[in-house]
PDB file of N, CA and C in Angstrom:
ATOM      1  N   MET A   1     120.707 203.526  19.759  1.00  0.00           N
ATOM      2  CA  MET A   1     119.304 203.148  19.707  1.00  0.00           C
ATOM      3  C   MET A   1     118.468 204.396  19.392  1.00  0.00           C
ATOM      4  N   VAL A   2     117.567 204.235  18.461  1.00  0.00           N
ATOM      5  CA  VAL A   2     116.651 205.309  18.084  1.00  0.00           C
ATOM      6  C   VAL A   2     115.406 205.217  18.957  1.00  0.00           C
ATOM      7  N   LEU A   3     115.049 206.341  19.573  1.00  0.00           N
ATOM      8  CA  LEU A   3     113.833 206.344  20.390  1.00  0.00           C
ATOM      9  C   LEU A   3     112.611 206.327  19.479  1.00  0.00           C
ATOM     10  N   LYS A   4     111.675 205.440  19.795  1.00  0.00           N
ATOM     11  CA  LYS A   4     110.426 205.363  19.036  1.00  0.00           C
ATOM     12  C   LYS A   4     109.269 205.529  20.008  1.00  0.00           C
ATOM     13  N   PHE A   5     108.264 206.245  19.554  1.00  0.00           N
ATOM     14  CA  PHE A   5     107.082 206.464  20.375  1.00  0.00           C
ATOM     15  C   PHE A   5     105.834 206.165  19.563  1.00  0.00           C
ATOM     16  N   ARG A   6     104.796 205.794  20.263  1.00  0.00           N
ATOM     17  CA  ARG A   6     103.459 205.734  19.688  1.00  0.00           C
ATOM     18  C   ARG A   6     102.547 206.387  20.702  1.00  0.00           C
ATOM     19  N   ALA A   7     101.349 206.728  20.264  1.00  0.00           N
ATOM     20  CA  ALA A   7     100.441 207.434  21.169  1.00  0.00           C
ATOM     21  C   ALA A   7      99.007 206.995  20.936  1.00  0.00           C
ATOM     22  N   TRP A   8      98.304 206.820  22.038  1.00  0.00           N
ATOM     23  CA  TRP A   8      96.868 206.545  21.991  1.00  0.00           C
ATOM     24  C   TRP A   8      96.164 207.894  22.004  1.00  0.00           C
ATOM     25  N   ASP A   9      95.441 208.185  20.938  1.00  0.00           N
ATOM     26  CA  ASP A   9      94.692 209.431  20.815  1.00  0.00           C
ATOM     27  C   ASP A   9      93.371 209.242  21.556  1.00  0.00           C
ATOM     28  N   LYS A  10      93.236 209.888  22.707  1.00  0.00           N
ATOM     29  CA  LYS A  10      92.029 209.728  23.521  1.00  0.00           C
ATOM     30  C   LYS A  10      90.800 210.321  22.839  1.00  0.00           C
ATOM     31  N   LEU A  11      90.999 211.352  22.017  1.00  0.00           N
ATOM     32  CA  LEU A  11      89.867 211.986  21.332  1.00  0.00           C
ATOM     33  C   LEU A  11      89.393 211.144  20.147  1.00  0.00           C
ATOM     34  N   GLY A  12      90.340 210.706  19.319  1.00  0.00           N
ATOM     35  CA  GLY A  12      89.993 209.922  18.139  1.00  0.00           C
ATOM     36  C   GLY A  12      89.875 208.437  18.400  1.00  0.00           C
ATOM     37  N   LYS A  13      90.308 208.007  19.615  1.00  0.00           N
ATOM     38  CA  LYS A  13      90.284 206.603  20.018  1.00  0.00           C
ATOM     39  C   LYS A  13      91.007 205.719  18.999  1.00  0.00           C
ATOM     40  N   GLU A  14      92.257 206.157  18.651  1.00  0.00           N
ATOM     41  CA  GLU A  14      93.093 205.426  17.706  1.00  0.00           C
ATOM     42  C   GLU A  14      94.545 205.466  18.166  1.00  0.00           C
ATOM     43  N   MET A  15      95.320 204.444  17.761  1.00  0.00           N
ATOM     44  CA  MET A  15      96.745 204.410  18.010  1.00  0.00           C
ATOM     45  C   MET A  15      97.458 205.019  16.812  1.00  0.00           C
ATOM     46  N   HIS A  16      98.482 205.848  17.059  1.00  0.00           N
ATOM     47  CA  HIS A  16      99.234 206.511  15.991  1.00  0.00           C
ATOM     48  C   HIS A  16     100.719 206.457  16.291  1.00  0.00           C
ATOM     49  N   LYS A  17     101.539 206.525  15.243  1.00  0.00           N
ATOM     50  CA  LYS A  17     102.962 206.776  15.404  1.00  0.00           C
ATOM     51  C   LYS A  17     103.114 208.254  15.711  1.00  0.00           C
ATOM     52  N   VAL A  18     104.144 208.586  16.483  1.00  0.00           N
ATOM     53  CA  VAL A  18     104.405 209.986  16.829  1.00  0.00           C
ATOM     54  C   VAL A  18     105.420 210.539  15.840  1.00  0.00           C
ATOM     55  N   SER A  19     105.069 211.617  15.170  1.00  0.00           N
ATOM     56  CA  SER A  19     105.999 212.219  14.218  1.00  0.00           C
ATOM     57  C   SER A  19     106.846 213.313  14.862  1.00  0.00           C
ATOM     58  N   ALA A  20     106.375 213.926  15.940  1.00  0.00           N
ATOM     59  CA  ALA A  20     107.145 214.958  16.633  1.00  0.00           C
ATOM     60  C   ALA A  20     106.525 215.257  17.991  1.00  0.00           C
ATOM     61  N   ILE A  21     107.360 215.751  18.891  1.00  0.00           N
ATOM     62  CA  ILE A  21     106.909 216.261  20.179  1.00  0.00           C
ATOM     63  C   ILE A  21     107.450 217.683  20.270  1.00  0.00           C
ATOM     64  N   ASP A  22     106.574 218.653  20.349  1.00  0.00           N
ATOM     65  CA  ASP A  22     106.965 220.063  20.380  1.00  0.00           C
ATOM     66  C   ASP A  22     106.874 220.589  21.816  1.00  0.00           C
ATOM     67  N   PHE A  23     107.950 221.218  22.265  1.00  0.00           N
ATOM     68  CA  PHE A  23     107.995 221.824  23.590  1.00  0.00           C
ATOM     69  C   PHE A  23     108.059 223.333  23.428  1.00  0.00           C
ATOM     70  N   SER A  24     107.395 224.052  24.297  1.00  0.00           N
ATOM     71  CA  SER A  24     107.482 225.515  24.265  1.00  0.00           C
ATOM     72  C   SER A  24     108.184 225.996  25.525  1.00  0.00           C
ATOM     73  N   SER A  25     108.542 227.263  25.548  1.00  0.00           N
ATOM     74  CA  SER A  25     109.201 227.835  26.718  1.00  0.00           C
ATOM     75  C   SER A  25     108.275 227.861  27.932  1.00  0.00           C
ATOM     76  N   LYS A  26     106.975 227.771  27.694  1.00  0.00           N
ATOM     77  CA  LYS A  26     105.998 227.776  28.790  1.00  0.00           C
ATOM     78  C   LYS A  26     105.730 226.371  29.317  1.00  0.00           C
ATOM     79  N   GLY A  27     106.386 225.370  28.736  1.00  0.00           N
ATOM     80  CA  GLY A  27     106.231 224.004  29.206  1.00  0.00           C
ATOM     81  C   GLY A  27     105.096 223.243  28.548  1.00  0.00           C
ATOM     82  N   ALA A  28     104.350 223.882  27.663  1.00  0.00           N
ATOM     83  CA  ALA A  28     103.262 223.192  26.978  1.00  0.00           C
ATOM     84  C   ALA A  28     103.852 222.218  25.974  1.00  0.00           C
ATOM     85  N   ARG A  29     103.241 221.052  25.854  1.00  0.00           N
ATOM     86  CA  ARG A  29     103.710 220.061  24.895  1.00  0.00           C
ATOM     87  C   ARG A  29     102.609 219.749  23.900  1.00  0.00           C
ATOM     88  N   ILE A  30     102.970 219.745  22.646  1.00  0.00           N
ATOM     89  CA  ILE A  30     102.049 219.343  21.590  1.00  0.00           C
ATOM     90  C   ILE A  30     102.640 218.106  20.932  1.00  0.00           C
ATOM     91  N   ILE A  31     101.834 217.071  20.820  1.00  0.00           N
ATOM     92  CA  ILE A  31     102.255 215.820  20.200  1.00  0.00           C
ATOM     93  C   ILE A  31     101.704 215.800  18.785  1.00  0.00           C
ATOM     94  N   ARG A  32     102.576 215.572  17.808  1.00  0.00           N
ATOM     95  CA  ARG A  32     102.117 215.442  16.428  1.00  0.00           C
ATOM     96  C   ARG A  32     102.034 213.967  16.092  1.00  0.00           C
ATOM     97  N   LEU A  33     100.849 213.525  15.720  1.00  0.00           N
ATOM     98  CA  LEU A  33     100.595 212.129  15.420  1.00  0.00           C
ATOM     99  C   LEU A  33     100.620 211.913  13.913  1.00  0.00           C
ATOM    100  N   ALA A  34     101.389 210.947  13.466  1.00  0.00           N
ATOM    101  CA  ALA A  34     101.504 210.663  12.038  1.00  0.00           C
ATOM    102  C   ALA A  34     100.193 210.115  11.512  1.00  0.00           C
ATOM    103  N   GLY A  35      99.813 210.551  10.346  1.00  0.00           N
ATOM    104  CA  GLY A  35      98.585 210.078   9.722  1.00  0.00           C
ATOM    105  C   GLY A  35      97.821 211.216   9.102  1.00  0.00           C
ATOM    106  N   VAL A  36      96.951 210.864   8.221  1.00  0.00           N
ATOM    107  CA  VAL A  36      96.184 211.880   7.512  1.00  0.00           C
ATOM    108  C   VAL A  36      94.881 212.128   8.249  1.00  0.00           C
ATOM    109  N   GLN A  37      94.574 213.392   8.470  1.00  0.00           N
ATOM    110  CA  GLN A  37      93.310 213.760   9.097  1.00  0.00           C
ATOM    111  C   GLN A  37      92.172 213.566   8.101  1.00  0.00           C
ATOM    112  N   SER A  38      90.973 213.575   8.593  1.00  0.00           N
ATOM    113  CA  SER A  38      89.802 213.409   7.724  1.00  0.00           C
ATOM    114  C   SER A  38      89.678 214.538   6.709  1.00  0.00           C
ATOM    115  N   ASN A  39      90.266 215.715   7.016  1.00  0.00           N
ATOM    116  CA  ASN A  39      90.207 216.831   6.073  1.00  0.00           C
ATOM    117  C   ASN A  39      91.369 216.796   5.077  1.00  0.00           C
ATOM    118  N   GLY A  40      92.218 215.753   5.140  1.00  0.00           N
ATOM    119  CA  GLY A  40      93.298 215.571   4.189  1.00  0.00           C
ATOM    120  C   GLY A  40      94.558 216.385   4.459  1.00  0.00           C
ATOM    121  N   LYS A  41      94.698 216.947   5.650  1.00  0.00           N
ATOM    122  CA  LYS A  41      95.816 217.848   5.951  1.00  0.00           C
ATOM    123  C   LYS A  41      96.888 217.226   6.846  1.00  0.00           C
ATOM    124  N   GLY A  42      97.508 216.149   6.516  1.00  0.00           N
ATOM    125  CA  GLY A  42      98.675 215.633   7.245  1.00  0.00           C
ATOM    126  C   GLY A  42      98.461 215.251   8.692  1.00  0.00           C
ATOM    127  N   ASP A  43      99.509 215.517   9.527  1.00  0.00           N
ATOM    128  CA  ASP A  43      99.538 215.056  10.916  1.00  0.00           C
ATOM    129  C   ASP A  43      98.468 215.692  11.796  1.00  0.00           C
ATOM    130  N   HIS A  44      98.027 214.912  12.791  1.00  0.00           N
ATOM    131  CA  HIS A  44      97.136 215.422  13.844  1.00  0.00           C
ATOM    132  C   HIS A  44      97.998 216.142  14.865  1.00  0.00           C
ATOM    133  N   LYS A  45      97.528 217.198  15.467  1.00  0.00           N
ATOM    134  CA  LYS A  45      98.208 217.848  16.584  1.00  0.00           C
ATOM    135  C   LYS A  45      97.307 217.744  17.800  1.00  0.00           C
ATOM    136  N   ARG A  46      97.867 217.273  18.901  1.00  0.00           N
ATOM    137  CA  ARG A  46      97.098 217.114  20.137  1.00  0.00           C
ATOM    138  C   ARG A  46      97.916 217.643  21.308  1.00  0.00           C
ATOM    139  N   TRP A  47      97.238 218.218  22.287  1.00  0.00           N
ATOM    140  CA  TRP A  47      97.887 218.575  23.547  1.00  0.00           C
ATOM    141  C   TRP A  47      98.253 217.283  24.249  1.00  0.00           C
ATOM    142  N   HIS A  48      99.334 217.326  25.025  1.00  0.00           N
ATOM    143  CA  HIS A  48      99.822 216.118  25.683  1.00  0.00           C
ATOM    144  C   HIS A  48      98.778 215.476  26.589  1.00  0.00           C
ATOM    145  N   SER A  49      97.867 216.261  27.107  1.00  0.00           N
ATOM    146  CA  SER A  49      96.848 215.713  28.009  1.00  0.00           C
ATOM    147  C   SER A  49      95.802 214.865  27.283  1.00  0.00           C
ATOM    148  N   SER A  50      95.736 214.976  25.945  1.00  0.00           N
ATOM    149  CA  SER A  50      94.723 214.204  25.213  1.00  0.00           C
ATOM    150  C   SER A  50      95.303 212.974  24.529  1.00  0.00           C
ATOM    151  N   VAL A  51      96.581 212.653  24.838  1.00  0.00           N
ATOM    152  CA  VAL A  51      97.178 211.425  24.304  1.00  0.00           C
ATOM    153  C   VAL A  51      97.884 210.668  25.410  1.00  0.00           C
ATOM    154  N   GLU A  52      97.991 209.375  25.246  1.00  0.00           N
ATOM    155  CA  GLU A  52      98.768 208.525  26.135  1.00  0.00           C
ATOM    156  C   GLU A  52     100.033 208.159  25.364  1.00  0.00           C
ATOM    157  N   LEU A  53     101.159 208.748  25.744  1.00  0.00           N
ATOM    158  CA  LEU A  53     102.418 208.567  25.038  1.00  0.00           C
ATOM    159  C   LEU A  53     103.115 207.305  25.537  1.00  0.00           C
ATOM    160  N   MET A  54     103.588 206.460  24.609  1.00  0.00           N
ATOM    161  CA  MET A  54     104.250 205.204  24.961  1.00  0.00           C
ATOM    162  C   MET A  54     105.571 205.087  24.213  1.00  0.00           C
ATOM    163  N   GLN A  55     106.635 204.739  24.923  1.00  0.00           N
ATOM    164  CA  GLN A  55     107.945 204.555  24.302  1.00  0.00           C
ATOM    165  C   GLN A  55     108.148 203.079  23.989  1.00  0.00           C
ATOM    166  N   SER A  56     108.715 202.802  22.820  1.00  0.00           N
ATOM    167  CA  SER A  56     108.993 201.434  22.405  1.00  0.00           C
ATOM    168  C   SER A  56     110.068 200.818  23.291  1.00  0.00           C
ATOM    169  N   THR A  57     109.917 199.527  23.568  1.00  0.00           N
ATOM    170  CA  THR A  57     110.929 198.808  24.353  1.00  0.00           C
ATOM    171  C   THR A  57     112.058 198.301  23.468  1.00  0.00           C
ATOM    172  N   GLY A  58     111.795 198.173  22.164  1.00  0.00           N
ATOM    173  CA  GLY A  58     112.782 197.622  21.246  1.00  0.00           C
ATOM    174  C   GLY A  58     112.742 196.106  21.182  1.00  0.00           C
ATOM    175  N   PHE A  59     111.910 195.474  22.017  1.00  0.00           N
ATOM    176  CA  PHE A  59     111.791 194.022  22.014  1.00  0.00           C
ATOM    177  C   PHE A  59     110.946 193.548  20.846  1.00  0.00           C
ATOM    178  N   LYS A  60     111.249 192.342  20.376  1.00  0.00           N
ATOM    179  CA  LYS A  60     110.477 191.734  19.294  1.00  0.00           C
ATOM    180  C   LYS A  60     109.974 190.376  19.744  1.00  0.00           C
ATOM    181  N   ASP A  61     108.825 189.972  19.193  1.00  0.00           N
ATOM    182  CA  ASP A  61     108.285 188.664  19.530  1.00  0.00           C
ATOM    183  C   ASP A  61     109.030 187.582  18.742  1.00  0.00           C
ATOM    184  N   VAL A  62     108.619 186.323  18.895  1.00  0.00           N
ATOM    185  CA  VAL A  62     109.312 185.204  18.244  1.00  0.00           C
ATOM    186  C   VAL A  62     109.264 185.285  16.717  1.00  0.00           C
ATOM    187  N   ASN A  63     108.321 186.050  16.173  1.00  0.00           N
ATOM    188  CA  ASN A  63     108.210 186.212  14.723  1.00  0.00           C
ATOM    189  C   ASN A  63     108.959 187.442  14.216  1.00  0.00           C
ATOM    190  N   GLY A  64     109.664 188.152  15.112  1.00  0.00           N
ATOM    191  CA  GLY A  64     110.430 189.324  14.719  1.00  0.00           C
ATOM    192  C   GLY A  64     109.620 190.604  14.632  1.00  0.00           C
ATOM    193  N   VAL A  65     108.377 190.575  15.139  1.00  0.00           N
ATOM    194  CA  VAL A  65     107.511 191.754  15.115  1.00  0.00           C
ATOM    195  C   VAL A  65     107.735 192.552  16.394  1.00  0.00           C
ATOM    196  N   GLU A  66     107.918 193.865  16.251  1.00  0.00           N
ATOM    197  CA  GLU A  66     108.145 194.708  17.422  1.00  0.00           C
ATOM    198  C   GLU A  66     106.941 194.680  18.350  1.00  0.00           C
ATOM    199  N   ILE A  67     107.235 194.532  19.637  1.00  0.00           N
ATOM    200  CA  ILE A  67     106.167 194.463  20.642  1.00  0.00           C
ATOM    201  C   ILE A  67     105.765 195.866  21.032  1.00  0.00           C
TER     202      ILE A  67
END
C-alpha cells in the first residue's frame, strides 16, 4: 500500500496534495504542498504547524471515488 497524504493549508485556506515531508536533524518538519503558487514557482512550503496533515484511508465510496 502506498501512503497518501493531503493537507489543509491554514494560511491559504485550501486543501492540497502533499508532494513531500522534509525532516531535519533538529526535528523541524516542512510540508511541501503540490500546486502552483501565485508567483508561478511550483510547490508551497509550509511549517508543519501551519497545515493539518491527513493520511488517506484507502477507502472508496460506492462510485469508486477515494474518500
